[in-house]
Amino acid sequence: MNMIFALALLTLAVDHGNDGHDHHHHGEMAARSTAAADVRTSDANARTALLRHEALPELGMPAMVMEFSIAEGVDMTLFEPGAALTITATMGESGLTVIEAEPEAAE
């Protein structure tokens, strides 16, 4: 009987995020991936940037050039065309979002 109860709780925990609501502000951890990226273009007003990024394996993304949303709280001044950054991104309802960014460490 305890095994069935544990499985029911696990099922509820797994299904919790599928009710169409954003629960990330409740402390749930979304998949995130960190990679090197180069800024091609950016739009501070729209909080978007076109980035060439290395593979984001935790998000199932190969290396490519694509547009990202930039989360509030991330410094948009880092996203100058030509800048080399290390980004951390998550997949949200509106696509990929950069949630952290810093200048790429010089080697």
N, C-alpha and C. Protein backbone atom coordinates (compact mmCIF):
# COMPACT_ATOMS: atom_id res chain seq x y z
N MET A 1 0.82 -1.19 0.00
CA MET A 1 0.00 0.00 0.00
C MET A 1 0.87 1.26 0.00
N ASN A 2 1.95 1.29 0.77
CA ASN A 2 2.82 2.46 0.80
C ASN A 2 3.48 2.70 -0.55
N MET A 3 3.80 1.62 -1.28
CA MET A 3 4.40 1.75 -2.60
C MET A 3 3.43 2.44 -3.56
N ILE A 4 2.17 2.11 -3.50
CA ILE A 4 1.16 2.72 -4.36
C ILE A 4 1.03 4.20 -4.03
N PHE A 5 1.01 4.53 -2.75
CA PHE A 5 0.93 5.93 -2.34
C PHE A 5 2.14 6.71 -2.84
N ALA A 6 3.33 6.14 -2.73
CA ALA A 6 4.55 6.80 -3.20
C ALA A 6 4.50 7.02 -4.71
N LEU A 7 4.01 6.03 -5.46
CA LEU A 7 3.89 6.17 -6.90
C LEU A 7 2.88 7.26 -7.27
N ALA A 8 1.79 7.33 -6.52
CA ALA A 8 0.78 8.36 -6.77
C ALA A 8 1.38 9.75 -6.54
N LEU A 9 2.14 9.92 -5.47
CA LEU A 9 2.79 11.20 -5.20
C LEU A 9 3.79 11.56 -6.29
N LEU A 10 4.56 10.56 -6.74
CA LEU A 10 5.53 10.80 -7.79
C LEU A 10 4.83 11.22 -9.08
N THR A 11 3.73 10.57 -9.41
CA THR A 11 2.96 10.91 -10.59
C THR A 11 2.43 12.34 -10.51
N LEU A 12 1.93 12.73 -9.34
CA LEU A 12 1.46 14.10 -9.17
C LEU A 12 2.59 15.10 -9.33
N ALA A 13 3.76 14.78 -8.80
CA ALA A 13 4.91 15.68 -8.91
C ALA A 13 5.34 15.84 -10.36
N VAL A 14 5.34 14.76 -11.12
CA VAL A 14 5.74 14.81 -12.52
C VAL A 14 4.72 15.58 -13.34
N ASP A 15 3.43 15.40 -13.07
CA ASP A 15 2.38 16.03 -13.84
C ASP A 15 2.12 17.47 -13.42
N HIS A 16 2.69 17.91 -12.33
CA HIS A 16 2.41 19.22 -11.75
C HIS A 16 2.61 20.35 -12.75
N GLY A 17 3.64 20.31 -13.56
CA GLY A 17 3.94 21.41 -14.47
C GLY A 17 3.13 21.40 -15.75
N ASN A 18 2.22 20.45 -15.95
CA ASN A 18 1.51 20.33 -17.21
C ASN A 18 0.12 20.92 -17.18
N ASP A 19 -0.17 21.82 -16.23
CA ASP A 19 -1.52 22.35 -16.14
C ASP A 19 -1.68 23.68 -16.87
N GLY A 20 -0.67 24.07 -17.67
CA GLY A 20 -0.77 25.28 -18.48
C GLY A 20 -0.38 26.55 -17.75
N HIS A 21 0.06 26.45 -16.51
CA HIS A 21 0.47 27.63 -15.75
C HIS A 21 1.98 27.64 -15.57
N ASP A 22 2.54 28.83 -15.46
CA ASP A 22 3.97 28.97 -15.23
C ASP A 22 4.24 28.85 -13.73
N HIS A 23 4.92 27.79 -13.34
CA HIS A 23 5.21 27.55 -11.93
C HIS A 23 6.65 27.86 -11.57
N HIS A 24 7.43 28.41 -12.49
CA HIS A 24 8.85 28.63 -12.24
C HIS A 24 9.07 29.56 -11.07
N HIS A 25 8.16 30.48 -10.83
CA HIS A 25 8.34 31.39 -9.70
C HIS A 25 8.10 30.70 -8.37
N HIS A 26 7.65 29.46 -8.38
CA HIS A 26 7.44 28.71 -7.15
C HIS A 26 8.65 27.85 -6.80
N GLY A 27 9.76 28.06 -7.48
CA GLY A 27 10.98 27.35 -7.13
C GLY A 27 11.24 26.09 -7.92
N GLU A 28 10.38 25.77 -8.88
CA GLU A 28 10.63 24.58 -9.69
C GLU A 28 11.83 24.84 -10.59
N MET A 29 12.64 23.82 -10.81
CA MET A 29 13.82 23.97 -11.64
C MET A 29 13.51 23.53 -13.07
N ALA A 30 13.58 24.48 -13.99
CA ALA A 30 13.42 24.16 -15.40
C ALA A 30 14.77 23.69 -15.92
N ALA A 31 14.75 22.92 -17.00
CA ALA A 31 16.01 22.52 -17.62
C ALA A 31 16.76 23.77 -18.04
N ARG A 32 18.05 23.77 -17.81
CA ARG A 32 18.89 24.91 -18.17
C ARG A 32 20.20 24.41 -18.71
N SER A 33 20.81 25.20 -19.56
CA SER A 33 22.06 24.80 -20.19
C SER A 33 22.94 26.04 -20.32
N THR A 34 24.25 25.85 -20.17
CA THR A 34 25.22 26.93 -20.26
C THR A 34 26.17 26.67 -21.42
N ALA A 35 26.46 27.73 -22.18
CA ALA A 35 27.34 27.59 -23.35
C ALA A 35 27.93 28.94 -23.72
N ALA A 36 28.98 28.88 -24.53
CA ALA A 36 29.57 30.09 -25.11
C ALA A 36 28.65 30.59 -26.21
N ALA A 37 28.59 31.92 -26.36
CA ALA A 37 27.76 32.51 -27.41
C ALA A 37 28.39 33.82 -27.87
N ASP A 38 28.18 34.13 -29.14
CA ASP A 38 28.62 35.40 -29.72
C ASP A 38 27.37 36.16 -30.13
N VAL A 39 27.35 37.45 -29.81
CA VAL A 39 26.21 38.30 -30.13
C VAL A 39 26.31 38.77 -31.58
N ARG A 40 25.26 38.52 -32.36
CA ARG A 40 25.19 39.01 -33.73
C ARG A 40 24.47 40.35 -33.77
N THR A 41 23.26 40.41 -33.20
CA THR A 41 22.48 41.65 -33.10
C THR A 41 21.71 41.61 -31.79
N SER A 42 21.24 42.77 -31.34
CA SER A 42 20.40 42.80 -30.15
C SER A 42 19.41 43.94 -30.25
N ASP A 43 18.31 43.79 -29.53
CA ASP A 43 17.26 44.81 -29.48
C ASP A 43 16.91 45.02 -28.01
N ALA A 44 17.45 46.09 -27.42
CA ALA A 44 17.25 46.34 -25.99
C ALA A 44 15.78 46.57 -25.67
N ASN A 45 15.04 47.25 -26.55
CA ASN A 45 13.62 47.52 -26.29
C ASN A 45 12.80 46.24 -26.25
N ALA A 46 13.08 45.31 -27.14
CA ALA A 46 12.35 44.03 -27.18
C ALA A 46 12.97 42.99 -26.25
N ARG A 47 14.16 43.28 -25.70
CA ARG A 47 14.91 42.35 -24.85
C ARG A 47 15.14 41.02 -25.58
N THR A 48 15.67 41.13 -26.81
CA THR A 48 16.02 39.97 -27.61
C THR A 48 17.43 40.14 -28.16
N ALA A 49 18.05 39.01 -28.50
CA ALA A 49 19.37 39.04 -29.13
C ALA A 49 19.50 37.85 -30.06
N LEU A 50 20.13 38.10 -31.21
CA LEU A 50 20.46 37.02 -32.14
C LEU A 50 21.85 36.54 -31.74
N LEU A 51 21.94 35.27 -31.32
CA LEU A 51 23.18 34.72 -30.81
C LEU A 51 23.63 33.51 -31.61
N ARG A 52 24.94 33.40 -31.83
CA ARG A 52 25.53 32.15 -32.31
C ARG A 52 25.99 31.45 -31.06
N HIS A 53 25.40 30.29 -30.79
CA HIS A 53 25.73 29.61 -29.53
C HIS A 53 26.26 28.21 -29.79
N GLU A 54 27.06 27.75 -28.86
CA GLU A 54 27.52 26.36 -28.86
C GLU A 54 26.32 25.48 -28.50
N ALA A 55 26.49 24.18 -28.56
CA ALA A 55 25.40 23.25 -28.25
C ALA A 55 24.89 23.49 -26.83
N LEU A 56 23.57 23.36 -26.68
CA LEU A 56 22.90 23.43 -25.38
C LEU A 56 22.30 22.05 -25.13
N PRO A 57 23.14 21.08 -24.72
CA PRO A 57 22.69 19.68 -24.68
C PRO A 57 21.53 19.42 -23.73
N GLU A 58 21.47 20.11 -22.62
CA GLU A 58 20.37 19.89 -21.67
C GLU A 58 19.02 20.34 -22.23
N LEU A 59 19.08 21.19 -23.26
CA LEU A 59 17.86 21.66 -23.92
C LEU A 59 17.64 21.00 -25.28
N GLY A 60 18.55 20.09 -25.64
CA GLY A 60 18.43 19.37 -26.91
C GLY A 60 18.70 20.25 -28.12
N MET A 61 19.54 21.27 -27.97
CA MET A 61 19.81 22.20 -29.06
C MET A 61 21.24 22.05 -29.55
N PRO A 62 21.44 21.82 -30.86
CA PRO A 62 22.79 21.82 -31.41
C PRO A 62 23.30 23.26 -31.51
N ALA A 63 24.57 23.42 -31.82
CA ALA A 63 25.13 24.76 -32.04
C ALA A 63 24.44 25.37 -33.25
N MET A 64 24.08 26.65 -33.15
CA MET A 64 23.40 27.34 -34.26
C MET A 64 23.31 28.82 -33.96
N VAL A 65 22.73 29.56 -34.90
CA VAL A 65 22.43 30.98 -34.72
C VAL A 65 20.92 31.10 -34.59
N MET A 66 20.46 31.75 -33.52
CA MET A 66 19.03 31.92 -33.32
C MET A 66 18.75 33.07 -32.36
N GLU A 67 17.49 33.50 -32.34
CA GLU A 67 17.09 34.60 -31.46
C GLU A 67 16.71 34.06 -30.08
N PHE A 68 17.14 34.77 -29.06
CA PHE A 68 16.82 34.46 -27.68
C PHE A 68 16.09 35.65 -27.06
N SER A 69 15.19 35.38 -26.14
CA SER A 69 14.66 36.42 -25.27
C SER A 69 15.68 36.59 -24.15
N ILE A 70 15.77 37.80 -23.61
CA ILE A 70 16.69 38.08 -22.52
C ILE A 70 15.84 38.39 -21.29
N ALA A 71 15.99 37.59 -20.24
CA ALA A 71 15.18 37.73 -19.04
C ALA A 71 15.42 39.08 -18.37
N GLU A 72 14.38 39.58 -17.71
CA GLU A 72 14.53 40.77 -16.87
C GLU A 72 15.60 40.44 -15.84
N GLY A 73 16.40 41.41 -15.50
CA GLY A 73 17.46 41.17 -14.53
C GLY A 73 18.79 40.82 -15.17
N VAL A 74 18.78 40.44 -16.45
CA VAL A 74 20.02 40.18 -17.18
C VAL A 74 20.44 41.50 -17.83
N ASP A 75 21.70 41.87 -17.68
CA ASP A 75 22.22 43.14 -18.17
C ASP A 75 22.26 43.16 -19.70
N MET A 76 21.34 43.94 -20.30
CA MET A 76 21.27 44.03 -21.77
C MET A 76 22.52 44.68 -22.36
N THR A 77 23.26 45.47 -21.59
CA THR A 77 24.45 46.12 -22.15
C THR A 77 25.54 45.11 -22.51
N LEU A 78 25.44 43.88 -21.98
CA LEU A 78 26.39 42.83 -22.35
C LEU A 78 26.20 42.38 -23.80
N PHE A 79 25.01 42.59 -24.35
CA PHE A 79 24.63 42.05 -25.65
C PHE A 79 24.94 43.02 -26.79
N GLU A 80 26.16 43.51 -26.82
CA GLU A 80 26.63 44.36 -27.91
C GLU A 80 27.07 43.45 -29.06
N PRO A 81 26.73 43.77 -30.30
CA PRO A 81 27.18 42.95 -31.44
C PRO A 81 28.68 42.70 -31.38
N GLY A 82 29.06 41.44 -31.53
CA GLY A 82 30.47 41.04 -31.48
C GLY A 82 30.93 40.56 -30.12
N ALA A 83 30.13 40.79 -29.08
CA ALA A 83 30.52 40.38 -27.73
C ALA A 83 30.55 38.86 -27.61
N ALA A 84 31.56 38.34 -26.89
CA ALA A 84 31.65 36.91 -26.59
C ALA A 84 31.17 36.72 -25.16
N LEU A 85 30.12 35.91 -24.99
CA LEU A 85 29.51 35.72 -23.69
C LEU A 85 29.44 34.25 -23.32
N THR A 86 29.28 34.01 -22.02
CA THR A 86 28.86 32.71 -21.53
C THR A 86 27.42 32.91 -21.07
N ILE A 87 26.50 32.16 -21.66
CA ILE A 87 25.08 32.32 -21.33
C ILE A 87 24.54 31.06 -20.68
N THR A 88 23.52 31.24 -19.88
CA THR A 88 22.72 30.12 -19.37
C THR A 88 21.30 30.39 -19.85
N ALA A 89 20.71 29.39 -20.49
CA ALA A 89 19.38 29.55 -21.08
C ALA A 89 18.43 28.46 -20.60
N THR A 90 17.14 28.77 -20.65
CA THR A 90 16.08 27.81 -20.37
C THR A 90 15.10 27.86 -21.54
N MET A 91 14.29 26.82 -21.66
CA MET A 91 13.25 26.78 -22.67
C MET A 91 11.93 27.14 -22.00
N GLY A 92 11.29 28.20 -22.49
CA GLY A 92 10.01 28.62 -21.92
C GLY A 92 8.93 28.57 -22.97
N GLU A 93 7.76 29.07 -22.62
CA GLU A 93 6.63 29.08 -23.54
C GLU A 93 6.92 29.92 -24.78
N SER A 94 7.75 30.97 -24.63
CA SER A 94 8.05 31.84 -25.76
C SER A 94 9.39 31.51 -26.39
N GLY A 95 9.90 30.31 -26.16
CA GLY A 95 11.17 29.90 -26.76
C GLY A 95 12.31 29.98 -25.77
N LEU A 96 13.51 30.06 -26.30
CA LEU A 96 14.70 30.08 -25.44
C LEU A 96 14.88 31.45 -24.81
N THR A 97 15.22 31.43 -23.53
CA THR A 97 15.43 32.67 -22.77
C THR A 97 16.76 32.60 -22.06
N VAL A 98 17.57 33.65 -22.23
CA VAL A 98 18.82 33.77 -21.49
C VAL A 98 18.47 34.25 -20.09
N ILE A 99 18.85 33.46 -19.08
CA ILE A 99 18.56 33.83 -17.69
C ILE A 99 19.80 34.31 -16.95
N GLU A 100 21.00 34.06 -17.52
CA GLU A 100 22.25 34.54 -16.97
C GLU A 100 23.21 34.79 -18.13
N ALA A 101 24.05 35.82 -17.98
CA ALA A 101 25.06 36.11 -19.01
C ALA A 101 26.22 36.81 -18.36
N GLU A 102 27.41 36.49 -18.85
CA GLU A 102 28.62 37.18 -18.40
C GLU A 102 29.62 37.16 -19.54
N PRO A 103 30.54 38.14 -19.55
CA PRO A 103 31.55 38.12 -20.60
C PRO A 103 32.34 36.81 -20.54
N GLU A 104 32.63 36.26 -21.73
CA GLU A 104 33.38 35.00 -21.79
C GLU A 104 34.78 35.23 -21.20
N ALA A 105 35.24 34.31 -20.40
CA ALA A 105 36.55 34.42 -19.77
C ALA A 105 37.64 34.39 -20.83
N ALA A 106 38.59 35.29 -20.71
CA ALA A 106 39.72 35.31 -21.65
C ALA A 106 40.64 34.13 -21.35
N GLU A 107 41.17 33.53 -22.41
CA GLU A 107 42.03 32.36 -22.21
C GLU A 107 43.48 32.73 -22.30
